[in-house]
Amino acid sequence: MDSYVSLTPLGGIGDVTKNMYLYEYQDQILIVDCGLGFADETMVGVDLLLPDISYLLQSVRSGKKIVGIILTHGHEDHIGALPFILPNLASLSSSQNFPIFGTVLTAGLANEKLKEFSLPFRVEAVPFNSGELVMGSFKASLIRVTHSVPDTAHVFLQTPLGNFYHGSDFKFDKTPADGKVADITGIKKASEKGILCLMSDCLGAEKKGRTSSEQVLTESFEKEMENCRGKCIVTTYSSNISRLNQAIQVAEKLGRKVCFVGRSLIKAKEVAQRLGYMKLREGLEVSVEQLKNYKDNQLLLLVAGSQGQENSAMTRMVAGEHKDIRLKEDDLVIFSADPIPGNEIFVYSLIDAIAKKGARVIYSDISDDFHVSGHGSQDELLELISLVKPQKLLPIGGTYRHMVAYRTLAEKAGYQRKDILLIEDGQEVIFTKNSVRLGKLTPVKNVYVDEISGEEIEHFVLRDRQKLSEGGIVVIIIEIDSSSGQLVGRPDIIARGFSGFDNKKIGGKIFVDIRNVLGGKKGRLTNWIYVRKLIGEVCERRIFKELRRRPLVLPVVIEV
């Protein structure tokens, strides 16, 4: 077989989150990004989703070696899984010493996260234009692009079989808030060396034109903050340093003190200050404990929790559970972030709760003035294609409809459908010097992380939690004669989580059902696992017939 380079996404294809991509050459694996996802309303007790790295672990066990990890930018869906995944990778002796690279701010945010988990790993900060990163047979260069977090990079990847351009989240903002525009010259230089395939962000593929500049938001902040008679509260992603800086600049101009609320946002602020990406004039910032010393119209609160996370500062504040901050009718709450796909229910529930408090709330459905996407629209996606001039195209970082929209866009630009690869997570794509084909498809699953323990949980635990939350729980304690396999007395029934359970009435019918089903079994019953399953099914049928509910039924069988 000819030598080849393969790409296998473990997350980020057909999904906006959990970005993680494996590039393989011979026995070497290079990883680009290591992000997490967020649970939806069906995932009871779950906080985070991780990429499924089963294939990666198996590859290393079979003799392959991880030569490095490159992080494109500091958003959680690109760096957030590091504390969970790195310990698993480090446990494999052959992969303990691989380097991890990111731009200066990306490395700072990632290292703060690793420090928080008391892990020994560190991300090496790589300034732009610092030359090639050599990892085994791979050579990588980081190229500056604009996005909703500073220091976002694209990766120009050189391999013995050809060159790749990994173009994750980006837009071409000509007036970014930090003044640092995309390195168009760097993209052109990479293109001159020939690009076998462009992996491109596709989230904005349905939107015509260009995405608005971040710079327009400053005027909107000033207008609303000036007219706000109470506290001005802005919530956005903690890593959105540019957006935070814009709000801070307006607050300083209007004489408002600035207070950071929420652990994740405070951590991001500390990193940004230390690295010089955020400057706060002395005396401008106040602590939560100092808020009582100021009138509401003298304050700007920057609050974590723009996605309606259950335990976030924003959610606790709106629920009246924050010990230092109360929401009032004169207050203004600005959501300077769109809901991540899948989080809409959480975000809109939080907005409803704010409205009930009487405060004014501004969010993207009613105003485009406070959030612009960090993702390029159709004109910018086409511009990247024209700059890179790849042989093949592979859309990443969007749902399947975004991928289809990107394919349509590329076809209009002159590419044939066979040269535009639409794949799914776990699908290997094999590149040789003269061809591209699909390789093996590795099944990938959602990996759930429990919000209390931080431990990975299994699918059946999630299923039980969901059933428990929807239908309640019924515990049935039954004594069975070990010699005859028949009931001894009436079962004890404990029901929790729903009304209308008449223990005497329904319990009596359950007793008759169990007695009948056990009485119909010939011979002595000795398989107690089977007996518990049989009793559980009988109880479920009876409860559904009487109450139209499907609770979690737990039979407890005691031999006497």
Protein backbone atom coordinates (compact mmCIF):
# COMPACT_ATOMS: atom_id res chain seq x y z
CA MET A 1 0.00 0.00 0.00
CA ASP A 2 1.21 3.50 -0.81
CA SER A 3 2.17 5.82 2.04
CA TYR A 4 -0.70 8.02 3.17
CA VAL A 5 -1.86 10.63 5.64
CA SER A 6 -5.23 10.07 7.28
CA LEU A 7 -7.61 12.43 9.05
CA THR A 8 -10.06 11.11 11.64
CA PRO A 9 -12.34 13.54 13.49
CA LEU A 10 -13.38 12.44 16.98
CA GLY A 11 -15.64 15.49 17.35
CA GLY A 12 -16.57 18.66 15.49
CA ILE A 13 -18.12 17.10 12.38
CA GLY A 14 -21.89 17.51 12.20
CA ASP A 15 -21.58 19.18 15.58
CA VAL A 16 -20.44 22.62 16.69
CA THR A 17 -18.57 21.38 19.77
CA LYS A 18 -16.15 18.66 20.97
CA ASN A 19 -13.61 19.60 18.30
CA MET A 20 -10.81 17.03 18.07
CA TYR A 21 -9.04 15.89 14.91
CA LEU A 22 -6.36 13.23 14.42
CA TYR A 23 -3.82 13.47 11.61
CA GLU A 24 -1.87 10.24 11.16
CA TYR A 25 1.24 9.38 9.17
CA GLN A 26 2.81 5.92 9.52
CA ASP A 27 2.99 5.35 13.30
CA GLN A 28 2.62 9.03 14.26
CA ILE A 29 -0.49 10.90 15.43
CA LEU A 30 -0.86 14.68 15.57
CA ILE A 31 -3.94 16.01 17.39
CA VAL A 32 -5.54 19.35 16.55
CA ASP A 33 -7.78 20.70 19.35
CA CYS A 34 -9.27 18.95 22.35
CA GLY A 35 -12.66 20.47 23.09
CA LEU A 36 -15.76 19.66 25.07
CA GLY A 37 -19.49 19.88 24.45
CA PHE A 38 -22.44 20.87 26.58
CA ALA A 39 -25.34 18.76 27.77
CA ASP A 40 -28.89 19.38 26.62
CA GLU A 41 -32.10 19.16 28.66
CA THR A 42 -32.38 15.38 28.14
CA MET A 43 -29.04 14.64 29.82
CA VAL A 44 -30.06 14.65 33.48
CA GLY A 45 -27.24 15.39 35.92
CA VAL A 46 -24.72 15.76 33.10
CA ASP A 47 -22.63 18.90 32.75
CA LEU A 48 -20.19 18.19 29.92
CA LEU A 49 -19.66 15.99 26.89
CA LEU A 50 -16.23 14.80 25.80
CA PRO A 51 -14.87 13.41 22.54
CA ASP A 52 -14.78 9.62 22.50
CA ILE A 53 -11.05 8.80 22.42
CA SER A 54 -11.43 5.01 22.37
CA TYR A 55 -9.94 4.85 18.87
CA LEU A 56 -7.01 7.05 19.89
CA LEU A 57 -6.25 4.94 22.96
CA GLN A 58 -6.43 1.73 20.95
CA SER A 59 -4.12 3.19 18.29
CA VAL A 60 -1.50 4.07 20.90
CA ARG A 61 -1.78 0.67 22.55
CA SER A 62 -1.18 -0.95 19.15
CA GLY A 63 2.12 0.88 18.70
CA LYS A 64 1.32 4.36 17.34
CA LYS A 65 2.74 7.43 19.03
CA ILE A 66 1.24 10.84 19.71
CA VAL A 67 3.79 13.40 18.54
CA GLY A 68 1.94 16.52 19.64
CA ILE A 69 -1.25 18.52 20.18
CA ILE A 70 -1.99 21.89 18.58
CA LEU A 71 -4.74 24.15 19.95
CA THR A 72 -6.27 26.65 17.53
CA HIS A 73 -7.89 29.03 20.05
CA GLY A 74 -9.14 29.41 23.61
CA HIS A 75 -12.83 28.51 23.41
CA GLU A 76 -14.06 25.64 25.57
CA ASP A 77 -15.15 23.59 22.57
CA HIS A 78 -11.50 23.54 21.45
CA ILE A 79 -9.51 23.34 24.73
CA GLY A 80 -12.01 22.37 27.44
CA ALA A 81 -11.50 18.60 27.34
CA LEU A 82 -7.76 18.76 28.07
CA PRO A 83 -8.07 18.17 31.85
CA PHE A 84 -10.18 15.06 31.24
CA ILE A 85 -8.32 13.55 28.28
CA LEU A 86 -4.64 14.29 29.00
CA PRO A 87 -4.48 12.00 32.08
CA ASN A 88 -5.83 9.13 29.96
CA LEU A 89 -3.23 9.75 27.26
CA ALA A 90 -0.40 10.15 29.75
CA SER A 91 -1.24 6.77 31.31
CA LEU A 92 0.00 5.16 28.10
CA SER A 93 3.76 4.97 28.57
CA SER A 94 4.64 5.50 24.90
CA SER A 95 2.78 8.85 24.81
CA GLN A 96 3.86 10.61 27.97
CA ASN A 97 6.17 13.25 26.53
CA PHE A 98 4.39 14.80 23.57
CA PRO A 99 4.36 18.63 23.38
CA ILE A 100 1.20 20.75 23.42
CA PHE A 101 1.25 24.06 21.55
CA GLY A 102 -1.04 27.07 21.39
CA THR A 103 -0.83 30.80 20.80
CA VAL A 104 0.00 33.00 23.78
CA LEU A 105 -3.55 33.65 25.02
CA THR A 106 -4.72 30.14 24.10
CA ALA A 107 -1.88 28.62 26.10
CA GLY A 108 -2.62 30.93 29.02
CA LEU A 109 -6.30 29.96 29.16
CA ALA A 110 -5.52 26.25 28.76
CA ASN A 111 -2.81 26.28 31.42
CA GLU A 112 -5.13 28.00 33.88
CA LYS A 113 -7.61 25.19 33.33
CA LEU A 114 -4.95 22.50 33.82
CA LYS A 115 -3.74 24.28 36.96
CA GLU A 116 -7.29 24.35 38.32
CA PHE A 117 -7.40 20.55 37.98
CA SER A 118 -3.93 20.25 39.63
CA LEU A 119 -2.53 18.51 36.56
CA PRO A 120 1.20 18.55 35.68
CA PHE A 121 0.71 19.19 31.94
CA ARG A 122 1.54 22.53 30.35
CA VAL A 123 0.76 24.11 26.98
CA GLU A 124 3.73 25.83 25.35
CA ALA A 125 2.96 29.37 24.19
CA VAL A 126 3.84 29.99 20.54
CA PRO A 127 3.86 33.61 19.28
CA PHE A 128 2.72 34.17 15.70
CA ASN A 129 5.51 34.22 13.10
CA SER A 130 7.77 32.19 15.38
CA GLY A 131 8.55 29.61 12.71
CA GLU A 132 7.60 26.00 12.15
CA LEU A 133 6.71 23.56 14.91
CA VAL A 134 8.30 20.19 14.18
CA MET A 135 6.52 17.16 15.63
CA GLY A 136 7.81 13.90 14.20
CA SER A 137 7.20 13.96 10.45
CA PHE A 138 4.75 16.88 10.77
CA LYS A 139 5.63 20.56 10.43
CA ALA A 140 3.04 23.10 11.55
CA SER A 141 2.78 26.87 11.30
CA LEU A 142 0.21 29.00 13.15
CA ILE A 143 -1.43 31.73 11.05
CA ARG A 144 -3.38 34.54 12.73
CA VAL A 145 -7.07 34.89 11.88
CA THR A 146 -9.87 36.85 13.55
CA HIS A 147 -12.56 35.26 15.70
CA SER A 148 -14.48 36.15 18.87
CA VAL A 149 -11.44 35.38 21.04
CA PRO A 150 -8.02 36.99 20.44
CA ASP A 151 -5.02 34.96 19.27
CA THR A 152 -7.05 32.56 17.13
CA ALA A 153 -4.96 30.57 14.67
CA HIS A 154 -5.30 28.45 11.58
CA VAL A 155 -2.83 25.62 11.16
CA PHE A 156 -0.76 25.11 8.02
CA LEU A 157 0.32 21.49 8.25
CA GLN A 158 3.12 20.06 6.11
CA THR A 159 3.49 16.28 5.79
CA PRO A 160 5.62 14.01 3.56
CA LEU A 161 2.49 13.27 1.48
CA GLY A 162 1.20 16.81 1.02
CA ASN A 163 0.08 19.93 2.85
CA PHE A 164 -3.13 20.59 4.74
CA TYR A 165 -4.80 23.80 5.89
CA HIS A 166 -6.78 23.36 9.11
CA GLY A 167 -9.09 26.38 9.06
CA SER A 168 -11.19 26.09 12.21
CA ASP A 169 -13.37 28.93 13.62
CA PHE A 170 -12.66 32.24 11.88
CA LYS A 171 -13.94 35.30 10.10
CA PHE A 172 -12.12 38.03 8.19
CA ASP A 173 -12.84 41.06 10.40
CA LYS A 174 -11.19 44.15 8.92
CA THR A 175 -11.69 46.19 12.12
CA PRO A 176 -11.36 43.72 15.03
CA ALA A 177 -11.65 45.07 18.55
CA ASP A 178 -7.96 44.38 19.30
CA GLY A 179 -6.80 45.86 15.97
CA LYS A 180 -5.07 42.63 14.90
CA VAL A 181 -6.35 41.56 11.49
CA ALA A 182 -5.97 38.16 9.83
CA ASP A 183 -2.60 37.36 8.29
CA ILE A 184 -3.68 37.22 4.65
CA THR A 185 -0.05 37.22 3.50
CA GLY A 186 0.66 34.16 5.63
CA ILE A 187 -2.30 32.31 4.11
CA LYS A 188 -1.09 33.15 0.60
CA LYS A 189 2.43 31.93 1.38
CA ALA A 190 1.03 28.64 2.65
CA SER A 191 -1.05 28.33 -0.52
CA GLU A 192 2.04 28.73 -2.70
CA LYS A 193 3.37 25.46 -1.30
CA GLY A 194 0.23 23.66 -2.48
CA ILE A 195 -2.68 22.54 -0.30
CA LEU A 196 -4.01 19.03 -0.63
CA CYS A 197 -7.12 19.70 1.49
CA LEU A 198 -8.73 22.64 3.29
CA MET A 199 -10.57 21.78 6.49
CA SER A 200 -12.83 24.82 6.81
CA ASP A 201 -15.16 26.26 9.43
CA CYS A 202 -18.65 26.08 7.89
CA LEU A 203 -20.95 27.43 10.62
CA GLY A 204 -21.74 30.59 8.63
CA ALA A 205 -22.30 28.84 5.30
CA GLU A 206 -26.03 29.64 5.26
CA LYS A 207 -25.54 33.38 5.75
CA LYS A 208 -25.00 35.67 2.77
CA GLY A 209 -22.42 38.41 2.64
CA ARG A 210 -19.87 39.04 5.39
CA THR A 211 -20.15 38.79 9.15
CA SER A 212 -20.28 42.18 10.89
CA SER A 213 -17.18 43.53 12.59
CA GLU A 214 -16.73 43.33 16.36
CA GLN A 215 -16.03 47.06 16.38
CA VAL A 216 -19.71 48.01 15.87
CA LEU A 217 -20.58 46.66 19.32
CA THR A 218 -18.78 49.47 21.18
CA GLU A 219 -21.36 52.04 20.05
CA SER A 220 -24.22 49.77 21.14
CA PHE A 221 -22.71 49.28 24.60
CA GLU A 222 -22.29 53.02 25.03
CA LYS A 223 -25.85 53.86 23.97
CA GLU A 224 -27.53 51.37 26.30
CA MET A 225 -25.16 51.83 29.24
CA GLU A 226 -25.69 55.59 29.12
CA ASN A 227 -29.48 55.21 29.28
CA CYS A 228 -29.53 52.48 31.92
CA ARG A 229 -30.88 53.74 35.26
CA GLY A 230 -29.75 50.69 37.22
CA LYS A 231 -27.01 48.11 37.00
CA CYS A 232 -25.81 47.26 33.51
CA ILE A 233 -25.18 43.51 33.40
CA VAL A 234 -23.34 41.97 30.45
CA THR A 235 -22.98 38.21 30.05
CA THR A 236 -20.83 36.58 27.39
CA TYR A 237 -18.35 33.72 27.00
CA SER A 238 -15.59 33.96 29.60
CA SER A 239 -12.93 33.64 26.90
CA ASN A 240 -14.38 36.49 24.83
CA ILE A 241 -11.69 38.91 25.98
CA SER A 242 -12.25 41.42 23.16
CA ARG A 243 -15.96 41.75 24.00
CA LEU A 244 -15.17 42.23 27.68
CA ASN A 245 -12.61 44.91 26.81
CA GLN A 246 -15.20 46.80 24.74
CA ALA A 247 -17.69 46.86 27.62
CA ILE A 248 -14.94 47.89 30.06
CA GLN A 249 -13.84 50.80 27.85
CA VAL A 250 -17.41 52.13 27.70
CA ALA A 251 -17.88 51.74 31.47
CA GLU A 252 -14.69 53.73 32.10
CA LYS A 253 -15.86 56.46 29.72
CA LEU A 254 -19.24 56.72 31.47
CA GLY A 255 -17.86 56.56 35.00
CA ARG A 256 -19.17 53.11 35.93
CA LYS A 257 -17.19 50.73 38.12
CA VAL A 258 -16.55 47.25 36.72
CA CYS A 259 -17.19 44.05 38.66
CA PHE A 260 -16.42 40.51 37.41
CA VAL A 261 -18.89 37.92 38.67
CA GLY A 262 -18.39 34.16 38.24
CA ARG A 263 -15.34 31.96 38.72
CA SER A 264 -14.71 31.17 35.04
CA LEU A 265 -14.88 34.83 34.05
CA ILE A 266 -12.60 35.92 36.89
CA LYS A 267 -10.04 33.29 35.87
CA ALA A 268 -10.14 34.43 32.23
CA LYS A 269 -9.75 38.06 33.34
CA GLU A 270 -6.69 37.19 35.45
CA VAL A 271 -5.04 35.35 32.56
CA ALA A 272 -5.79 38.18 30.10
CA GLN A 273 -4.42 40.81 32.49
CA ARG A 274 -1.26 38.83 33.20
CA LEU A 275 -0.55 38.38 29.48
CA GLY A 276 -1.38 41.98 28.57
CA TYR A 277 -4.63 41.29 26.68
CA MET A 278 -6.75 43.27 29.17
CA LYS A 279 -5.89 46.51 30.93
CA LEU A 280 -7.94 47.85 33.84
CA ARG A 281 -7.17 51.34 35.10
CA GLU A 282 -6.40 51.40 38.81
CA GLY A 283 -9.59 51.93 40.78
CA LEU A 284 -11.89 50.90 37.93
CA GLU A 285 -12.53 47.36 39.16
CA VAL A 286 -14.43 46.60 42.33
CA SER A 287 -15.10 43.28 44.04
CA VAL A 288 -18.52 41.75 44.59
CA GLU A 289 -18.25 42.61 48.29
CA GLN A 290 -17.72 46.30 47.43
CA LEU A 291 -20.88 46.65 45.30
CA LYS A 292 -22.90 47.85 48.28
CA ASN A 293 -20.73 50.99 48.37
CA TYR A 294 -22.02 52.20 44.99
CA LYS A 295 -25.33 53.17 43.45
CA ASP A 296 -26.69 50.75 40.86
CA ASN A 297 -26.27 53.28 38.04
CA GLN A 298 -22.56 53.44 38.82
CA LEU A 299 -21.97 49.76 38.05
CA LEU A 300 -21.18 47.46 35.15
CA LEU A 301 -21.33 43.77 36.06
CA LEU A 302 -19.62 41.29 33.75
CA VAL A 303 -21.24 37.98 34.62
CA ALA A 304 -20.48 34.38 33.64
CA GLY A 305 -23.31 32.14 32.44
CA SER A 306 -24.44 33.34 29.00
CA GLN A 307 -25.52 29.79 28.10
CA GLY A 308 -27.90 29.44 31.06
CA GLN A 309 -25.66 26.94 32.85
CA GLU A 310 -27.43 25.63 35.93
CA ASN A 311 -24.79 26.59 38.49
CA SER A 312 -23.49 29.75 36.81
CA ALA A 313 -23.37 33.17 38.46
CA MET A 314 -25.97 34.48 36.01
CA THR A 315 -28.48 31.74 36.82
CA ARG A 316 -27.98 32.11 40.59
CA MET A 317 -28.35 35.87 40.36
CA VAL A 318 -31.62 35.65 38.44
CA ALA A 319 -32.94 33.00 40.83
CA GLY A 320 -32.26 35.31 43.79
CA GLU A 321 -29.66 32.91 45.19
CA HIS A 322 -26.61 35.16 44.87
CA LYS A 323 -25.73 36.52 48.30
CA ASP A 324 -24.42 39.89 47.08
CA ILE A 325 -26.45 40.76 43.97
CA ARG A 326 -30.17 41.20 43.43
CA LEU A 327 -31.83 41.86 40.08
CA LYS A 328 -34.03 44.97 40.07
CA GLU A 329 -36.52 46.56 37.67
CA ASP A 330 -34.15 49.36 36.58
CA ASP A 331 -31.40 46.90 35.69
CA LEU A 332 -30.43 46.04 32.12
CA VAL A 333 -29.17 42.56 31.19
CA ILE A 334 -27.36 42.19 27.86
CA PHE A 335 -26.71 38.73 26.41
CA SER A 336 -23.65 39.38 24.26
CA ALA A 337 -23.55 35.81 22.95
CA ASP A 338 -25.77 33.58 20.84
CA PRO A 339 -27.02 30.30 22.33
CA ILE A 340 -24.79 27.39 21.39
CA PRO A 341 -26.93 24.93 19.35
CA GLY A 342 -28.54 22.64 21.92
CA ASN A 343 -28.53 25.27 24.68
CA GLU A 344 -31.53 27.27 23.46
CA ILE A 345 -33.96 25.96 26.10
CA PHE A 346 -31.60 26.87 28.96
CA VAL A 347 -30.91 30.36 27.59
CA TYR A 348 -34.54 31.25 26.84
CA SER A 349 -35.67 29.95 30.24
CA LEU A 350 -33.14 32.27 31.84
CA ILE A 351 -34.34 35.20 29.70
CA ASP A 352 -37.94 34.48 30.75
CA ALA A 353 -36.89 34.50 34.41
CA ILE A 354 -35.18 37.88 33.96
CA ALA A 355 -38.28 39.30 32.31
CA LYS A 356 -40.41 38.13 35.25
CA LYS A 357 -38.13 40.10 37.58
CA GLY A 358 -39.06 43.23 35.64
CA ALA A 359 -35.53 43.96 34.41
CA ARG A 360 -34.96 44.83 30.76
CA VAL A 361 -33.17 42.15 28.80
CA ILE A 362 -31.55 42.35 25.36
CA TYR A 363 -30.65 39.20 23.43
CA SER A 364 -29.93 38.25 19.84
CA ASP A 365 -33.53 37.47 18.85
CA ILE A 366 -34.59 41.07 19.44
CA SER A 367 -31.37 42.93 18.68
CA ASP A 368 -28.29 42.31 16.54
CA ASP A 369 -26.48 45.19 18.22
CA PHE A 370 -24.72 43.23 20.99
CA HIS A 371 -23.42 40.10 19.39
CA VAL A 372 -21.79 39.40 16.08
CA SER A 373 -20.81 35.91 15.12
CA GLY A 374 -17.20 34.88 15.32
CA HIS A 375 -17.73 32.77 12.21
CA GLY A 376 -17.36 33.95 8.64
CA SER A 377 -20.37 34.14 6.35
CA GLN A 378 -20.47 33.01 2.72
CA ASP A 379 -18.20 35.72 1.29
CA GLU A 380 -15.50 35.01 3.87
CA LEU A 381 -15.70 31.25 3.36
CA LEU A 382 -15.29 31.81 -0.37
CA GLU A 383 -12.40 34.19 0.31
CA LEU A 384 -10.57 31.52 2.32
CA ILE A 385 -11.11 29.00 -0.48
CA SER A 386 -9.72 31.45 -3.04
CA LEU A 387 -6.70 32.22 -0.84
CA VAL A 388 -5.87 28.60 0.00
CA LYS A 389 -6.65 27.11 -3.45
CA PRO A 390 -6.97 23.53 -2.13
CA GLN A 391 -7.47 20.42 -4.22
CA LYS A 392 -10.11 19.09 -1.80
CA LEU A 393 -12.50 20.67 0.70
CA LEU A 394 -13.78 19.25 3.99
CA PRO A 395 -16.19 21.38 6.08
CA ILE A 396 -15.81 21.14 9.88
CA GLY A 397 -17.26 22.78 12.98
CA GLY A 398 -20.90 22.87 11.94
CA THR A 399 -24.05 20.77 11.86
CA TYR A 400 -24.81 18.68 8.79
CA ARG A 401 -27.02 21.38 7.29
CA HIS A 402 -24.10 23.81 7.52
CA MET A 403 -21.88 21.24 5.81
CA VAL A 404 -24.40 20.84 2.98
CA ALA A 405 -24.64 24.65 2.62
CA TYR A 406 -20.85 24.81 2.42
CA ARG A 407 -20.82 22.16 -0.32
CA THR A 408 -23.37 24.16 -2.32
CA LEU A 409 -21.24 27.26 -1.89
CA ALA A 410 -18.08 25.45 -3.03
CA GLU A 411 -19.86 24.02 -6.07
CA LYS A 412 -20.85 27.53 -7.10
CA ALA A 413 -17.17 28.45 -6.77
CA GLY A 414 -16.29 25.79 -9.35
CA TYR A 415 -15.49 22.70 -7.25
CA GLN A 416 -16.93 19.35 -8.24
CA ARG A 417 -19.00 17.47 -5.68
CA LYS A 418 -16.50 14.59 -5.58
CA ASP A 419 -13.87 17.03 -4.31
CA ILE A 420 -16.01 18.22 -1.37
CA LEU A 421 -15.95 15.67 1.45
CA LEU A 422 -18.93 15.46 3.80
CA ILE A 423 -18.15 12.95 6.53
CA GLU A 424 -19.12 12.16 10.12
CA ASP A 425 -17.24 11.82 13.39
CA GLY A 426 -15.11 8.67 13.40
CA GLN A 427 -14.82 8.54 9.60
CA GLU A 428 -11.22 8.17 8.45
CA VAL A 429 -10.23 10.02 5.27
CA ILE A 430 -7.09 8.69 3.56
CA PHE A 431 -4.95 11.02 1.46
CA THR A 432 -2.18 9.87 -0.87
CA LYS A 433 -0.24 12.06 -3.29
CA ASN A 434 -2.69 11.28 -6.07
CA SER A 435 -5.97 10.25 -4.45
CA VAL A 436 -8.36 10.57 -1.56
CA ARG A 437 -10.72 7.90 -0.27
CA LEU A 438 -12.74 7.04 2.80
CA GLY A 439 -11.14 4.60 5.22
CA LYS A 440 -12.59 2.79 8.21
CA LEU A 441 -15.55 4.19 10.15
CA THR A 442 -15.00 4.03 13.89
CA PRO A 443 -18.19 4.32 15.96
CA VAL A 444 -17.97 7.24 18.39
CA LYS A 445 -20.33 7.83 21.28
CA ASN A 446 -21.10 10.69 23.59
CA VAL A 447 -18.93 10.58 26.71
CA TYR A 448 -20.85 12.12 29.60
CA VAL A 449 -19.27 13.83 32.60
CA ASP A 450 -21.26 13.97 35.83
CA GLU A 451 -21.75 17.54 37.03
CA ILE A 452 -21.29 16.60 40.70
CA SER A 453 -18.37 14.18 40.72
CA GLY A 454 -16.70 15.17 37.46
CA GLU A 455 -16.50 11.46 36.65
CA GLU A 456 -17.47 9.83 33.37
CA ILE A 457 -20.86 8.11 33.55
CA GLU A 458 -22.31 5.32 31.48
CA HIS A 459 -25.29 5.53 29.11
CA PHE A 460 -27.49 3.37 31.34
CA VAL A 461 -26.99 5.74 34.29
CA LEU A 462 -28.15 8.64 32.13
CA ARG A 463 -31.12 6.61 30.94
CA ASP A 464 -32.14 5.83 34.54
CA ARG A 465 -31.79 9.47 35.53
CA GLN A 466 -33.96 10.57 32.66
CA LYS A 467 -36.61 8.00 33.49
CA LEU A 468 -36.50 8.98 37.16
CA SER A 469 -36.90 12.69 36.34
CA GLU A 470 -39.86 12.06 34.05
CA GLY A 471 -41.79 9.32 35.83
CA GLY A 472 -40.67 9.10 39.44
CA ILE A 473 -39.55 5.94 41.20
CA VAL A 474 -41.31 2.93 42.68
CA VAL A 475 -39.44 0.54 44.98
CA ILE A 476 -41.14 -2.84 45.51
CA ILE A 477 -39.82 -5.00 48.36
CA ILE A 478 -40.93 -8.61 48.03
CA GLU A 479 -40.31 -11.65 50.22
CA ILE A 480 -40.22 -14.96 48.36
CA ASP A 481 -40.12 -18.43 49.85
CA SER A 482 -36.75 -19.86 48.73
CA SER A 483 -38.11 -23.42 48.69
CA SER A 484 -41.32 -22.81 46.72
CA GLY A 485 -40.54 -19.59 44.82
CA GLN A 486 -43.86 -18.08 45.90
CA LEU A 487 -44.79 -14.83 47.61
CA VAL A 488 -44.67 -14.55 51.38
CA GLY A 489 -47.16 -11.88 52.41
CA ARG A 490 -47.93 -8.66 50.56
CA PRO A 491 -45.13 -6.59 48.99
CA ASP A 492 -44.08 -3.28 50.52
CA ILE A 493 -44.29 -0.46 47.96
CA ILE A 494 -42.57 2.92 48.21
CA ALA A 495 -43.52 5.46 45.51
CA ARG A 496 -41.86 8.85 45.03
CA GLY A 497 -41.99 11.56 42.38
CA PHE A 498 -45.64 11.68 41.29
CA SER A 499 -49.08 12.18 42.74
CA GLY A 500 -52.06 9.90 42.38
CA PHE A 501 -50.36 6.71 43.58
CA ASP A 502 -52.96 5.03 45.79
CA ASN A 503 -50.78 2.53 47.63
CA LYS A 504 -53.70 0.50 48.87
CA LYS A 505 -55.54 0.33 45.54
CA ILE A 506 -52.64 0.01 43.10
CA GLY A 507 -50.51 -1.95 45.56
CA GLY A 508 -53.29 -4.49 45.87
CA LYS A 509 -53.47 -4.97 42.11
CA ILE A 510 -49.68 -5.28 41.89
CA PHE A 511 -49.82 -7.96 44.60
CA VAL A 512 -52.39 -9.94 42.60
CA ASP A 513 -50.36 -9.55 39.36
CA ILE A 514 -47.13 -10.76 41.00
CA ARG A 515 -48.88 -13.68 42.71
CA ASN A 516 -50.44 -14.71 39.42
CA VAL A 517 -47.24 -14.55 37.39
CA LEU A 518 -45.21 -16.41 40.00
CA GLY A 519 -47.96 -18.95 40.51
CA GLY A 520 -47.96 -19.67 36.79
CA LYS A 521 -44.32 -20.71 36.85
CA LYS A 522 -43.82 -24.43 37.19
CA GLY A 523 -41.01 -25.76 39.29
CA ARG A 524 -38.85 -24.03 41.86
CA LEU A 525 -37.56 -20.60 40.83
CA THR A 526 -33.82 -20.24 41.52
CA ASN A 527 -32.74 -17.60 39.01
CA TRP A 528 -33.30 -14.50 41.13
CA ILE A 529 -32.09 -12.12 38.41
CA TYR A 530 -34.89 -13.47 36.21
CA VAL A 531 -37.37 -13.16 39.06
CA ARG A 532 -36.49 -9.49 39.65
CA LYS A 533 -36.82 -8.75 35.94
CA LEU A 534 -40.18 -10.56 35.80
CA ILE A 535 -41.53 -8.66 38.80
CA GLY A 536 -40.27 -5.34 37.42
CA GLU A 537 -42.08 -5.90 34.11
CA VAL A 538 -45.33 -6.85 35.87
CA CYS A 539 -45.21 -3.72 38.04
CA GLU A 540 -44.40 -1.44 35.09
CA ARG A 541 -47.39 -2.76 33.13
CA ARG A 542 -49.79 -2.32 36.05
CA ILE A 543 -48.60 1.23 36.87
CA PHE A 544 -48.85 2.30 33.24
CA LYS A 545 -52.34 0.81 32.96
CA GLU A 546 -53.55 2.61 36.09
CA LEU A 547 -51.65 5.93 35.88
CA ARG A 548 -50.24 6.23 32.34
CA ARG A 549 -46.80 6.79 33.88
CA ARG A 550 -43.52 4.96 33.37
CA PRO A 551 -41.54 5.35 36.59
CA LEU A 552 -38.21 3.73 37.34
CA VAL A 553 -39.22 0.46 39.03
CA LEU A 554 -36.73 -1.15 41.41
CA PRO A 555 -37.73 -4.62 42.62
CA VAL A 556 -36.00 -5.80 45.79
CA VAL A 557 -36.36 -9.58 46.23
CA ILE A 558 -35.62 -11.11 49.62
CA GLU A 559 -35.35 -14.88 50.04
CA VAL A 560 -36.91 -16.23 53.22
